[in-house]
Amino acid sequence: MKSSMKDKAKGSFHEAKGAVKELAGKVTDNPKLELEGKAEKLAGKAQEKLGQVKKVLGK
């Protein structure tokens, strides 16, 4: 698997995991868990964008 595809896949996974954490934080009224989820979701988006850039550059 190409590096760009790995980054996109990992990014999507982290985005989904972050969304679940964020929702769990909201449901349980746990602001720390909610913030962790938002941060992980954001990191996943960044990693996914990195994969897109690598694809364009051919890496």
PDB file of N, CA and C in Angstrom:
ATOM      1  N   MET A   1       0.853  -1.176   0.000  1.00  0.00           N
ATOM      2  CA  MET A   1       0.000   0.000   0.000  1.00  0.00           C
ATOM      3  C   MET A   1       0.897   1.237   0.000  1.00  0.00           C
ATOM      4  N   LYS A   2       0.558   2.188  -0.842  1.00  0.00           N
ATOM      5  CA  LYS A   2       1.338   3.419  -0.926  1.00  0.00           C
ATOM      6  C   LYS A   2       1.218   4.236   0.354  1.00  0.00           C
ATOM      7  N   SER A   3       2.233   5.034   0.591  1.00  0.00           N
ATOM      8  CA  SER A   3       2.267   5.887   1.781  1.00  0.00           C
ATOM      9  C   SER A   3       1.073   6.836   1.827  1.00  0.00           C
ATOM     10  N   SER A   4       0.681   7.350   0.663  1.00  0.00           N
ATOM     11  CA  SER A   4      -0.444   8.293   0.626  1.00  0.00           C
ATOM     12  C   SER A   4      -1.739   7.599   1.025  1.00  0.00           C
ATOM     13  N   MET A   5      -1.914   6.357   0.582  1.00  0.00           N
ATOM     14  CA  MET A   5      -3.123   5.608   0.932  1.00  0.00           C
ATOM     15  C   MET A   5      -3.140   5.257   2.412  1.00  0.00           C
ATOM     16  N   LYS A   6      -1.976   4.940   2.976  1.00  0.00           N
ATOM     17  CA  LYS A   6      -1.886   4.634   4.411  1.00  0.00           C
ATOM     18  C   LYS A   6      -2.294   5.850   5.230  1.00  0.00           C
ATOM     19  N   ASP A   7      -1.781   7.018   4.842  1.00  0.00           N
ATOM     20  CA  ASP A   7      -2.112   8.248   5.566  1.00  0.00           C
ATOM     21  C   ASP A   7      -3.606   8.548   5.488  1.00  0.00           C
ATOM     22  N   LYS A   8      -4.183   8.363   4.310  1.00  0.00           N
ATOM     23  CA  LYS A   8      -5.617   8.620   4.154  1.00  0.00           C
ATOM     24  C   LYS A   8      -6.439   7.647   4.992  1.00  0.00           C
ATOM     25  N   ALA A   9      -6.040   6.378   5.006  1.00  0.00           N
ATOM     26  CA  ALA A   9      -6.772   5.367   5.773  1.00  0.00           C
ATOM     27  C   ALA A   9      -6.644   5.632   7.274  1.00  0.00           C
ATOM     28  N   LYS A  10      -5.425   5.908   7.727  1.00  0.00           N
ATOM     29  CA  LYS A  10      -5.222   6.198   9.151  1.00  0.00           C
ATOM     30  C   LYS A  10      -5.961   7.465   9.552  1.00  0.00           C
ATOM     31  N   GLY A  11      -5.948   8.449   8.681  1.00  0.00           N
ATOM     32  CA  GLY A  11      -6.652   9.697   8.958  1.00  0.00           C
ATOM     33  C   GLY A  11      -8.149   9.477   9.103  1.00  0.00           C
ATOM     34  N   SER A  12      -8.712   8.681   8.219  1.00  0.00           N
ATOM     35  CA  SER A  12     -10.146   8.381   8.305  1.00  0.00           C
ATOM     36  C   SER A  12     -10.473   7.633   9.587  1.00  0.00           C
ATOM     37  N   PHE A  13      -9.600   6.694   9.969  1.00  0.00           N
ATOM     38  CA  PHE A  13      -9.801   5.942  11.203  1.00  0.00           C
ATOM     39  C   PHE A  13      -9.789   6.876  12.415  1.00  0.00           C
ATOM     40  N   HIS A  14      -8.807   7.773  12.464  1.00  0.00           N
ATOM     41  CA  HIS A  14      -8.709   8.697  13.596  1.00  0.00           C
ATOM     42  C   HIS A  14      -9.881   9.675  13.631  1.00  0.00           C
ATOM     43  N   GLU A  15     -10.344  10.071  12.463  1.00  0.00           N
ATOM     44  CA  GLU A  15     -11.521  10.940  12.396  1.00  0.00           C
ATOM     45  C   GLU A  15     -12.744  10.247  12.989  1.00  0.00           C
ATOM     46  N   ALA A  16     -12.949   9.005  12.608  1.00  0.00           N
ATOM     47  CA  ALA A  16     -14.095   8.246  13.117  1.00  0.00           C
ATOM     48  C   ALA A  16     -13.966   8.006  14.621  1.00  0.00           C
ATOM     49  N   LYS A  17     -12.776   7.634  15.046  1.00  0.00           N
ATOM     50  CA  LYS A  17     -12.528   7.387  16.471  1.00  0.00           C
ATOM     51  C   LYS A  17     -12.754   8.669  17.275  1.00  0.00           C
ATOM     52  N   GLY A  18     -12.305   9.789  16.731  1.00  0.00           N
ATOM     53  CA  GLY A  18     -12.496  11.076  17.395  1.00  0.00           C
ATOM     54  C   GLY A  18     -13.964  11.455  17.489  1.00  0.00           C
ATOM     55  N   ALA A  19     -14.719  11.157  16.448  1.00  0.00           N
ATOM     56  CA  ALA A  19     -16.152  11.467  16.451  1.00  0.00           C
ATOM     57  C   ALA A  19     -16.864  10.660  17.537  1.00  0.00           C
ATOM     58  N   VAL A  20     -16.468   9.391  17.694  1.00  0.00           N
ATOM     59  CA  VAL A  20     -17.075   8.543  18.722  1.00  0.00           C
ATOM     60  C   VAL A  20     -16.729   9.080  20.107  1.00  0.00           C
ATOM     61  N   LYS A  21     -15.460   9.450  20.315  1.00  0.00           N
ATOM     62  CA  LYS A  21     -15.042  10.002  21.614  1.00  0.00           C
ATOM     63  C   LYS A  21     -15.791  11.295  21.916  1.00  0.00           C
ATOM     64  N   GLU A  22     -15.914  12.146  20.900  1.00  0.00           N
ATOM     65  CA  GLU A  22     -16.604  13.420  21.074  1.00  0.00           C
ATOM     66  C   GLU A  22     -18.061  13.183  21.482  1.00  0.00           C
ATOM     67  N   LEU A  23     -18.726  12.277  20.797  1.00  0.00           N
ATOM     68  CA  LEU A  23     -20.114  11.965  21.108  1.00  0.00           C
ATOM     69  C   LEU A  23     -20.238  11.361  22.502  1.00  0.00           C
ATOM     70  N   ALA A  24     -19.324  10.459  22.849  1.00  0.00           N
ATOM     71  CA  ALA A  24     -19.347   9.846  24.186  1.00  0.00           C
ATOM     72  C   ALA A  24     -19.150  10.905  25.259  1.00  0.00           C
ATOM     73  N   GLY A  25     -18.288  11.867  24.988  1.00  0.00           N
ATOM     74  CA  GLY A  25     -18.065  12.961  25.937  1.00  0.00           C
ATOM     75  C   GLY A  25     -19.305  13.812  26.123  1.00  0.00           C
ATOM     76  N   LYS A  26     -20.016  14.065  25.046  1.00  0.00           N
ATOM     77  CA  LYS A  26     -21.248  14.850  25.132  1.00  0.00           C
ATOM     78  C   LYS A  26     -22.313  14.094  25.913  1.00  0.00           C
ATOM     79  N   VAL A  27     -22.469  12.808  25.614  1.00  0.00           N
ATOM     80  CA  VAL A  27     -23.510  11.990  26.246  1.00  0.00           C
ATOM     81  C   VAL A  27     -23.256  11.835  27.746  1.00  0.00           C
ATOM     82  N   THR A  28     -21.991  11.628  28.105  1.00  0.00           N
ATOM     83  CA  THR A  28     -21.657  11.408  29.513  1.00  0.00           C
ATOM     84  C   THR A  28     -21.340  12.716  30.245  1.00  0.00           C
ATOM     85  N   ASP A  29     -21.469  13.821  29.558  1.00  0.00           N
ATOM     86  CA  ASP A  29     -21.157  15.136  30.115  1.00  0.00           C
ATOM     87  C   ASP A  29     -19.721  15.181  30.652  1.00  0.00           C
ATOM     88  N   ASN A  30     -18.794  14.714  29.813  1.00  0.00           N
ATOM     89  CA  ASN A  30     -17.381  14.670  30.145  1.00  0.00           C
ATOM     90  C   ASN A  30     -16.638  15.582  29.171  1.00  0.00           C
ATOM     91  N   PRO A  31     -16.388  16.844  29.563  1.00  0.00           N
ATOM     92  CA  PRO A  31     -15.759  17.788  28.636  1.00  0.00           C
ATOM     93  C   PRO A  31     -14.351  17.369  28.200  1.00  0.00           C
ATOM     94  N   LYS A  32     -13.615  16.679  29.086  1.00  0.00           N
ATOM     95  CA  LYS A  32     -12.259  16.246  28.728  1.00  0.00           C
ATOM     96  C   LYS A  32     -12.303  15.238  27.581  1.00  0.00           C
ATOM     97  N   LEU A  33     -13.198  14.264  27.671  1.00  0.00           N
ATOM     98  CA  LEU A  33     -13.334  13.251  26.620  1.00  0.00           C
ATOM     99  C   LEU A  33     -13.818  13.895  25.322  1.00  0.00           C
ATOM    100  N   GLU A  34     -14.709  14.850  25.439  1.00  0.00           N
ATOM    101  CA  GLU A  34     -15.221  15.560  24.259  1.00  0.00           C
ATOM    102  C   GLU A  34     -14.091  16.310  23.554  1.00  0.00           C
ATOM    103  N   LEU A  35     -13.243  16.978  24.324  1.00  0.00           N
ATOM    104  CA  LEU A  35     -12.110  17.701  23.732  1.00  0.00           C
ATOM    105  C   LEU A  35     -11.092  16.750  23.115  1.00  0.00           C
ATOM    106  N   GLU A  36     -10.861  15.609  23.776  1.00  0.00           N
ATOM    107  CA  GLU A  36      -9.954  14.611  23.200  1.00  0.00           C
ATOM    108  C   GLU A  36     -10.479  14.150  21.843  1.00  0.00           C
ATOM    109  N   GLY A  37     -11.782  13.943  21.770  1.00  0.00           N
ATOM    110  CA  GLY A  37     -12.401  13.517  20.518  1.00  0.00           C
ATOM    111  C   GLY A  37     -12.251  14.557  19.428  1.00  0.00           C
ATOM    112  N   LYS A  38     -12.476  15.813  19.790  1.00  0.00           N
ATOM    113  CA  LYS A  38     -12.326  16.885  18.795  1.00  0.00           C
ATOM    114  C   LYS A  38     -10.891  16.962  18.303  1.00  0.00           C
ATOM    115  N   ALA A  39      -9.929  16.825  19.232  1.00  0.00           N
ATOM    116  CA  ALA A  39      -8.517  16.901  18.858  1.00  0.00           C
ATOM    117  C   ALA A  39      -8.131  15.735  17.947  1.00  0.00           C
ATOM    118  N   GLU A  40      -8.610  14.540  18.278  1.00  0.00           N
ATOM    119  CA  GLU A  40      -8.277  13.370  17.461  1.00  0.00           C
ATOM    120  C   GLU A  40      -8.921  13.481  16.076  1.00  0.00           C
ATOM    121  N   LYS A  41     -10.128  14.005  16.039  1.00  0.00           N
ATOM    122  CA  LYS A  41     -10.817  14.201  14.756  1.00  0.00           C
ATOM    123  C   LYS A  41     -10.033  15.186  13.884  1.00  0.00           C
ATOM    124  N   LEU A  42      -9.556  16.246  14.492  1.00  0.00           N
ATOM    125  CA  LEU A  42      -8.775  17.248  13.764  1.00  0.00           C
ATOM    126  C   LEU A  42      -7.456  16.659  13.272  1.00  0.00           C
ATOM    127  N   ALA A  43      -6.803  15.866  14.118  1.00  0.00           N
ATOM    128  CA  ALA A  43      -5.551  15.227  13.716  1.00  0.00           C
ATOM    129  C   ALA A  43      -5.797  14.256  12.562  1.00  0.00           C
ATOM    130  N   GLY A  44      -6.919  13.575  12.592  1.00  0.00           N
ATOM    131  CA  GLY A  44      -7.264  12.665  11.503  1.00  0.00           C
ATOM    132  C   GLY A  44      -7.471  13.398  10.198  1.00  0.00           C
ATOM    133  N   LYS A  45      -8.133  14.538  10.264  1.00  0.00           N
ATOM    134  CA  LYS A  45      -8.338  15.342   9.050  1.00  0.00           C
ATOM    135  C   LYS A  45      -6.997  15.795   8.486  1.00  0.00           C
ATOM    136  N   ALA A  46      -6.084  16.208   9.374  1.00  0.00           N
ATOM    137  CA  ALA A  46      -4.767  16.668   8.931  1.00  0.00           C
ATOM    138  C   ALA A  46      -3.998  15.529   8.268  1.00  0.00           C
ATOM    139  N   GLN A  47      -4.060  14.332   8.860  1.00  0.00           N
ATOM    140  CA  GLN A  47      -3.354  13.195   8.288  1.00  0.00           C
ATOM    141  C   GLN A  47      -3.952  12.804   6.943  1.00  0.00           C
ATOM    142  N   GLU A  48      -5.254  12.897   6.832  1.00  0.00           N
ATOM    143  CA  GLU A  48      -5.908  12.587   5.563  1.00  0.00           C
ATOM    144  C   GLU A  48      -5.473  13.580   4.485  1.00  0.00           C
ATOM    145  N   LYS A  49      -5.378  14.858   4.833  1.00  0.00           N
ATOM    146  CA  LYS A  49      -4.920  15.880   3.875  1.00  0.00           C
ATOM    147  C   LYS A  49      -3.482  15.608   3.472  1.00  0.00           C
ATOM    148  N   LEU A  50      -2.657  15.161   4.427  1.00  0.00           N
ATOM    149  CA  LEU A  50      -1.273  14.825   4.117  1.00  0.00           C
ATOM    150  C   LEU A  50      -1.224  13.720   3.065  1.00  0.00           C
ATOM    151  N   GLY A  51      -2.100  12.741   3.208  1.00  0.00           N
ATOM    152  CA  GLY A  51      -2.178  11.667   2.214  1.00  0.00           C
ATOM    153  C   GLY A  51      -2.563  12.186   0.849  1.00  0.00           C
ATOM    154  N   GLN A  52      -3.476  13.154   0.814  1.00  0.00           N
ATOM    155  CA  GLN A  52      -3.878  13.734  -0.467  1.00  0.00           C
ATOM    156  C   GLN A  52      -2.725  14.487  -1.113  1.00  0.00           C
ATOM    157  N   VAL A  53      -1.959  15.201  -0.298  1.00  0.00           N
ATOM    158  CA  VAL A  53      -0.815  15.948  -0.820  1.00  0.00           C
ATOM    159  C   VAL A  53       0.238  14.977  -1.357  1.00  0.00           C
ATOM    160  N   LYS A  54       0.497  13.907  -0.614  1.00  0.00           N
ATOM    161  CA  LYS A  54       1.464  12.918  -1.068  1.00  0.00           C
ATOM    162  C   LYS A  54       1.033  12.296  -2.402  1.00  0.00           C
ATOM    163  N   LYS A  55      -0.269  12.070  -2.556  1.00  0.00           N
ATOM    164  CA  LYS A  55      -0.775  11.486  -3.793  1.00  0.00           C
ATOM    165  C   LYS A  55      -0.511  12.422  -4.963  1.00  0.00           C
ATOM    166  N   VAL A  56      -0.757  13.715  -4.742  1.00  0.00           N
ATOM    167  CA  VAL A  56      -0.545  14.703  -5.797  1.00  0.00           C
ATOM    168  C   VAL A  56       0.937  14.788  -6.161  1.00  0.00           C
ATOM    169  N   LEU A  57       1.794  14.706  -5.151  1.00  0.00           N
ATOM    170  CA  LEU A  57       3.227  14.780  -5.399  1.00  0.00           C
ATOM    171  C   LEU A  57       3.818  13.470  -5.894  1.00  0.00           C
ATOM    172  N   GLY A  58       3.029  12.413  -5.834  1.00  0.00           N
ATOM    173  CA  GLY A  58       3.475  11.130  -6.341  1.00  0.00           C
ATOM    174  C   GLY A  58       4.334  10.345  -5.383  1.00  0.00           C
ATOM    175  N   LYS A  59       4.134  10.533  -4.099  1.00  0.00           N
ATOM    176  CA  LYS A  59       4.942   9.788  -3.106  1.00  0.00           C
ATOM    177  C   LYS A  59       4.145   8.678  -2.503  1.00  0.00           C
TER     178      LYS A  59
END
